Amino acid sequence: MAEHSGFEKLVAEAKKNITEISPADAAEKSKSGEAVIVDVREKDEWDEGHIPDAIHMSRGTIELDIEEKVPDLNAMIVCHCGGGGRSALAAENLQKMGYKNVRSMAGGFKAWKAAGLPIKK
């Protein structure tokens, strides 16, 4: 596997500026209507399986699409990706855009699946 040290450094820096949330907490907040889960993976990853009730906005377009899909800057947004790196970067950018209640799901979709939480195909 190729080295991704530049990416890993970027993610480590982003994680210093954001709040992570566990998959179980994300599921609870989504179920209660307290949070919107945003899947920032690519469309092919989404198509293979995703979190029920999640909104898909890939990492490449989230900054363009978020204001239309989630106009409330105070809404709780939980970003997730496959393993937690891309969602940390997305969460940091949403905070820079003025969103005040952004989280990144620790461990991403892999951790969600490992916790036995529901998946939709």
Protein backbone atom coordinates (compact mmCIF):
# COMPACT_ATOMS: atom_id res chain seq x y z
CA MET A 1 0.00 0.00 0.00
CA ALA A 2 1.27 3.46 -0.86
CA GLU A 3 2.46 5.88 1.79
CA HIS A 4 -0.03 8.65 2.53
CA SER A 5 2.01 10.62 5.03
CA GLY A 6 0.93 14.02 3.65
CA PHE A 7 -2.72 13.03 3.90
CA GLU A 8 -2.20 11.57 7.38
CA LYS A 9 -0.56 14.80 8.56
CA LEU A 10 -3.44 16.84 7.15
CA VAL A 11 -5.97 14.59 8.94
CA ALA A 12 -4.02 14.73 12.22
CA GLU A 13 -4.03 18.54 12.06
CA ALA A 14 -7.77 18.61 11.26
CA LYS A 15 -8.53 16.30 14.19
CA LYS A 16 -6.99 18.88 16.54
CA ASN A 17 -9.66 21.36 15.46
CA ILE A 18 -12.78 19.19 15.39
CA THR A 19 -14.85 17.00 17.71
CA GLU A 20 -15.20 13.29 17.04
CA ILE A 21 -18.26 11.27 17.98
CA SER A 22 -18.64 7.50 18.30
CA PRO A 23 -20.82 5.55 15.85
CA ALA A 24 -23.20 4.67 18.71
CA ASP A 25 -23.59 8.34 19.67
CA ALA A 26 -24.04 9.30 16.01
CA ALA A 27 -26.77 6.66 15.62
CA GLU A 28 -28.55 7.89 18.75
CA LYS A 29 -28.43 11.55 17.68
CA SER A 30 -29.64 10.68 14.18
CA LYS A 31 -32.49 8.53 15.49
CA SER A 32 -33.64 11.28 17.88
CA GLY A 33 -33.55 13.86 15.07
CA GLU A 34 -30.82 15.77 16.90
CA ALA A 35 -28.27 15.35 14.09
CA VAL A 36 -27.96 15.01 10.34
CA ILE A 37 -25.49 12.34 9.20
CA VAL A 38 -23.58 13.34 6.07
CA ASP A 39 -21.72 10.62 4.16
CA VAL A 40 -18.71 12.19 2.42
CA ARG A 41 -17.57 9.03 0.64
CA GLU A 42 -17.64 8.63 -3.13
CA LYS A 43 -20.86 7.56 -4.86
CA ASP A 44 -19.62 4.01 -5.54
CA GLU A 45 -18.88 3.58 -1.81
CA TRP A 46 -22.37 4.93 -0.95
CA ASP A 47 -23.97 2.55 -3.45
CA GLU A 48 -22.26 -0.46 -1.81
CA GLY A 49 -23.97 0.36 1.49
CA HIS A 50 -24.69 3.36 3.69
CA ILE A 51 -26.23 4.53 6.95
CA PRO A 52 -30.05 4.73 6.78
CA ASP A 53 -31.26 8.38 6.76
CA ALA A 54 -27.77 9.70 5.90
CA ILE A 55 -27.37 12.38 3.24
CA HIS A 56 -24.74 11.77 0.57
CA MET A 57 -22.43 14.68 -0.29
CA SER A 58 -19.06 13.47 -1.48
CA ARG A 59 -15.88 15.00 -0.12
CA GLY A 60 -15.35 16.78 -3.42
CA THR A 61 -18.66 18.65 -3.38
CA ILE A 62 -19.76 19.01 0.25
CA GLU A 63 -18.70 22.66 0.50
CA LEU A 64 -20.76 23.45 -2.63
CA ASP A 65 -23.85 21.48 -1.54
CA ILE A 66 -24.07 21.84 2.26
CA GLU A 67 -25.72 25.27 2.44
CA GLU A 68 -28.62 24.09 0.26
CA LYS A 69 -29.08 20.75 2.07
CA VAL A 70 -28.42 21.99 5.63
CA PRO A 71 -28.96 25.78 5.73
CA ASP A 72 -29.04 26.01 9.56
CA LEU A 73 -25.53 26.89 10.80
CA ASN A 74 -26.50 25.62 14.27
CA ALA A 75 -27.68 22.18 13.10
CA MET A 76 -25.67 19.22 14.36
CA ILE A 77 -23.93 17.66 11.39
CA VAL A 78 -22.09 14.35 11.77
CA CYS A 79 -19.74 13.73 8.86
CA HIS A 80 -18.49 10.23 8.12
CA CYS A 81 -16.36 8.50 5.51
CA GLY A 82 -14.81 5.05 5.28
CA GLY A 83 -12.32 5.34 8.12
CA GLY A 84 -12.49 8.83 9.60
CA GLY A 85 -9.91 10.81 7.61
CA ARG A 86 -11.98 12.45 4.89
CA SER A 87 -14.77 13.22 7.36
CA ALA A 88 -12.31 15.01 9.66
CA LEU A 89 -11.23 17.22 6.75
CA ALA A 90 -14.86 17.85 5.76
CA ALA A 91 -15.85 18.68 9.36
CA GLU A 92 -12.99 21.16 9.65
CA ASN A 93 -14.05 22.90 6.42
CA LEU A 94 -17.70 23.09 7.51
CA GLN A 95 -16.56 24.78 10.72
CA LYS A 96 -14.58 27.27 8.62
CA MET A 97 -17.80 27.93 6.68
CA GLY A 98 -19.57 28.90 9.93
CA TYR A 99 -21.25 25.64 10.99
CA LYS A 100 -21.11 25.61 14.77
CA ASN A 101 -22.10 22.05 15.67
CA VAL A 102 -20.09 19.74 13.39
CA ARG A 103 -18.77 16.32 14.38
CA SER A 104 -16.73 13.65 12.61
CA MET A 105 -17.65 10.03 13.26
CA ALA A 106 -14.60 8.26 14.68
CA GLY A 107 -13.60 5.21 12.64
CA GLY A 108 -16.06 6.01 9.84
CA PHE A 109 -18.33 3.51 8.14
CA LYS A 110 -15.98 0.64 9.09
CA ALA A 111 -16.56 1.41 12.78
CA TRP A 112 -20.32 1.77 12.19
CA LYS A 113 -20.44 -1.71 10.63
CA ALA A 114 -18.18 -3.17 13.34
CA ALA A 115 -20.59 -1.82 15.98
CA GLY A 116 -23.42 -3.79 14.31
CA LEU A 117 -25.42 -0.66 13.48
CA PRO A 118 -27.95 -0.74 10.61
CA ILE A 119 -26.87 -0.47 6.98
CA LYS A 120 -28.96 0.21 3.91
CA LYS A 121 -28.02 -1.05 0.43
